[in-house]
């Protein structure tokens, strides 16, 4: 009888602890809507709106970024960048994967680099880029500044070259 009760109790505790663990717990600080300013990216100044939302019963994080770049002498019309994507957890590889689609025609598949990431620092590096220079790579870093501010950095490396920062954004939380 003790064995049966112990087995039932152990199964119940295991079920509860499993149900409370989210594969996206390390991303909790990102969930919500953000707005801010950027520098770099070839146009010096930009305004950016970003959104990170759990969707489909918490199976994915939907990511949306929209940047409007101020006009410059070289680009008097300015630029408008849009990217949308999804972060998922690949259970087979035990890796977080971010698939990003850009209005410039690039499709990036990033992997979260665990060895470079922490509770307040997430580093994604591409494992594949469609419509980009063969051998080129991109690194996207998100740093938690505090509970209401994040900084994102976009770096590019060309074949046989080190990463170079193309731009940074400082974003403030609008809501959760």
Protein backbone atom coordinates (compact mmCIF):
# COMPACT_ATOMS: atom_id res chain seq x y z
CA UNK A 1 0.00 0.00 0.00
CA UNK A 2 2.85 2.42 0.83
CA UNK A 3 4.40 1.68 -2.56
CA UNK A 4 1.18 2.55 -4.39
CA UNK A 5 0.73 5.81 -2.46
CA UNK A 6 4.40 6.71 -2.97
CA UNK A 7 4.13 6.02 -6.70
CA UNK A 8 0.97 8.12 -7.04
CA UNK A 9 2.48 10.97 -4.99
CA UNK A 10 5.73 10.91 -7.01
CA UNK A 11 3.77 10.91 -10.30
CA UNK A 12 1.63 13.83 -9.14
CA UNK A 13 4.66 15.90 -8.03
CA UNK A 14 6.48 15.14 -11.30
CA UNK A 15 3.40 16.16 -13.31
CA UNK A 16 3.07 19.47 -11.43
CA UNK A 17 6.76 20.38 -11.69
CA UNK A 18 6.82 19.51 -15.40
CA UNK A 19 3.68 21.56 -16.11
CA UNK A 20 5.17 24.64 -14.40
CA UNK A 21 8.40 24.66 -16.39
CA UNK A 22 8.28 26.73 -19.56
CA UNK A 23 10.91 26.16 -22.23
CA UNK A 24 10.91 29.95 -22.73
CA UNK A 25 11.52 30.93 -19.11
CA UNK A 26 14.90 32.50 -20.00
CA UNK A 27 13.05 34.81 -22.43
CA UNK A 28 10.50 36.09 -19.86
CA UNK A 29 12.20 39.49 -19.60
CA UNK A 30 11.57 40.04 -23.34
CA UNK A 31 7.85 39.32 -23.47
CA UNK A 32 5.92 42.48 -24.31
CA UNK A 33 5.99 45.49 -26.59
CA UNK A 34 8.98 47.80 -26.89
CA UNK A 35 9.87 51.09 -28.53
CA UNK A 36 13.10 53.01 -28.91
CA UNK A 37 15.87 54.40 -31.06
CA UNK A 38 18.73 52.93 -33.01
CA UNK A 39 22.06 53.99 -34.42
CA UNK A 40 24.06 52.59 -37.30
CA UNK A 41 22.67 50.33 -40.01
CA UNK A 42 23.97 52.73 -42.65
CA UNK A 43 21.45 55.49 -41.92
CA UNK A 44 22.69 56.70 -38.52
CA UNK A 45 19.35 57.16 -36.69
CA UNK A 46 16.18 55.12 -36.53
CA UNK A 47 12.98 54.64 -34.56
CA UNK A 48 12.10 51.03 -33.76
CA UNK A 49 9.09 49.16 -32.43
CA UNK A 50 9.49 45.56 -31.33
CA UNK A 51 7.18 42.90 -29.99
CA UNK A 52 7.93 39.54 -28.37
CA UNK A 53 4.76 37.50 -27.68
CA UNK A 54 4.14 33.92 -26.60
CA UNK A 55 1.74 32.34 -29.10
CA UNK A 56 0.08 28.99 -29.81
CA UNK A 57 -0.27 27.96 -26.18
CA UNK A 58 3.26 29.07 -25.34
CA UNK A 59 4.90 26.85 -27.97
CA UNK A 60 6.58 29.78 -29.78
CA UNK A 61 7.64 33.37 -29.31
CA UNK A 62 6.52 35.60 -32.17
CA UNK A 63 9.04 38.37 -32.86
CA UNK A 64 8.19 41.55 -34.80
CA UNK A 65 10.57 44.44 -35.46
CA UNK A 66 9.87 47.56 -37.48
CA UNK A 67 12.45 50.32 -37.95
CA UNK A 68 12.12 53.62 -39.77
CA UNK A 69 15.43 55.22 -40.66
CA UNK A 70 15.82 58.96 -41.03
CA UNK A 71 16.73 60.35 -44.43
CA UNK A 72 20.42 61.07 -45.10
CA UNK A 73 22.33 62.75 -47.91
CA UNK A 74 23.06 59.31 -49.39
CA UNK A 75 19.50 58.08 -48.85
CA UNK A 76 17.14 61.07 -48.94
CA UNK A 77 14.04 58.90 -48.64
CA UNK A 78 15.22 57.03 -45.55
CA UNK A 79 14.52 53.35 -45.13
CA UNK A 80 11.84 51.14 -43.68
CA UNK A 81 12.89 47.74 -42.29
CA UNK A 82 10.46 45.05 -41.20
CA UNK A 83 11.29 41.61 -39.88
CA UNK A 84 9.06 38.95 -38.41
CA UNK A 85 9.91 35.59 -37.00
CA UNK A 86 9.49 32.88 -34.45
CA UNK A 87 11.64 31.49 -31.67
CA UNK A 88 11.08 27.81 -31.01
CA UNK A 89 12.73 25.10 -28.98
CA UNK A 90 14.10 22.24 -31.08
CA UNK A 91 13.69 19.31 -28.69
CA UNK A 92 15.78 16.98 -30.86
CA UNK A 93 18.82 19.27 -30.78
CA UNK A 94 18.02 20.85 -27.39
CA UNK A 95 18.51 24.29 -29.00
CA UNK A 96 16.52 27.50 -29.30
CA UNK A 97 16.03 28.45 -32.94
CA UNK A 98 15.00 31.88 -34.25
CA UNK A 99 13.68 31.96 -37.82
CA UNK A 100 13.55 35.54 -39.10
CA UNK A 101 12.07 36.85 -42.36
CA UNK A 102 13.12 40.34 -43.54
CA UNK A 103 11.48 42.66 -46.07
CA UNK A 104 14.90 42.95 -47.78
CA UNK A 105 14.59 39.29 -48.80
CA UNK A 106 16.90 37.69 -46.23
CA UNK A 107 15.76 34.67 -44.25
CA UNK A 108 17.92 34.02 -41.20
CA UNK A 109 17.97 30.88 -39.09
CA UNK A 110 19.69 31.66 -35.80
CA UNK A 111 20.67 29.40 -32.91
CA UNK A 112 20.89 30.67 -29.33
CA UNK A 113 24.54 30.28 -28.29
CA UNK A 114 24.29 28.95 -24.73
CA UNK A 115 27.98 29.46 -23.98
CA UNK A 116 27.67 33.21 -24.67
CA UNK A 117 24.18 33.71 -23.15
CA UNK A 118 23.01 34.26 -19.57
CA UNK A 119 19.86 35.30 -17.67
CA UNK A 120 20.21 38.86 -18.97
CA UNK A 121 22.18 38.35 -22.19
CA UNK A 122 20.96 36.37 -25.21
CA UNK A 123 23.26 35.76 -28.18
CA UNK A 124 21.89 34.35 -31.42
CA UNK A 125 24.17 33.43 -34.33
CA UNK A 126 23.04 32.37 -37.79
CA UNK A 127 23.45 28.82 -38.94
CA UNK A 128 21.93 29.64 -42.31
CA UNK A 129 21.08 32.79 -44.28
CA UNK A 130 19.10 32.76 -47.51
CA UNK A 131 19.93 35.39 -50.15
CA UNK A 132 23.16 36.56 -48.48
CA UNK A 133 26.84 36.32 -49.30
CA UNK A 134 27.96 32.67 -48.96
CA UNK A 135 30.04 32.24 -45.81
CA UNK A 136 28.65 35.39 -44.18
CA UNK A 137 27.13 35.27 -40.71
CA UNK A 138 25.02 37.43 -38.44
CA UNK A 139 24.98 37.75 -34.66
CA UNK A 140 21.98 39.29 -32.86
CA UNK A 141 22.45 40.06 -29.19
CA UNK A 142 19.79 41.13 -26.69
CA UNK A 143 21.00 42.58 -23.38
CA UNK A 144 18.65 43.22 -20.48
CA UNK A 145 19.61 46.66 -19.15
CA UNK A 146 16.93 46.57 -16.43
CA UNK A 147 13.30 45.39 -16.14
CA UNK A 148 12.08 48.05 -18.58
CA UNK A 149 15.00 48.49 -21.01
CA UNK A 150 16.87 46.25 -23.44
CA UNK A 151 19.66 46.84 -25.91
CA UNK A 152 19.95 44.90 -29.15
CA UNK A 153 23.09 44.67 -31.25
CA UNK A 154 23.29 43.48 -34.85
CA UNK A 155 26.71 42.29 -36.04
CA UNK A 156 27.76 40.89 -39.42
CA UNK A 157 30.81 38.86 -40.41
CA UNK A 158 31.88 38.35 -43.98
CA UNK A 159 33.86 35.28 -45.10
CA UNK A 160 37.14 34.98 -43.17
CA UNK A 161 36.44 38.24 -41.29
CA UNK A 162 35.53 39.06 -37.68
CA UNK A 163 32.10 40.33 -36.66
CA UNK A 164 31.54 44.07 -37.14
CA UNK A 165 28.74 45.99 -35.40
CA UNK A 166 26.23 47.28 -37.94
CA UNK A 167 23.90 48.87 -35.40
CA UNK A 168 22.42 49.00 -31.93
CA UNK A 169 18.96 49.74 -30.57
CA UNK A 170 17.94 50.88 -27.09
CA UNK A 171 14.34 49.91 -26.36
CA UNK A 172 11.96 50.75 -23.51
CA UNK A 173 9.09 48.50 -22.47
CA UNK A 174 5.64 49.79 -23.42
CA UNK A 175 3.67 46.94 -21.85
CA UNK A 176 3.90 43.27 -21.04
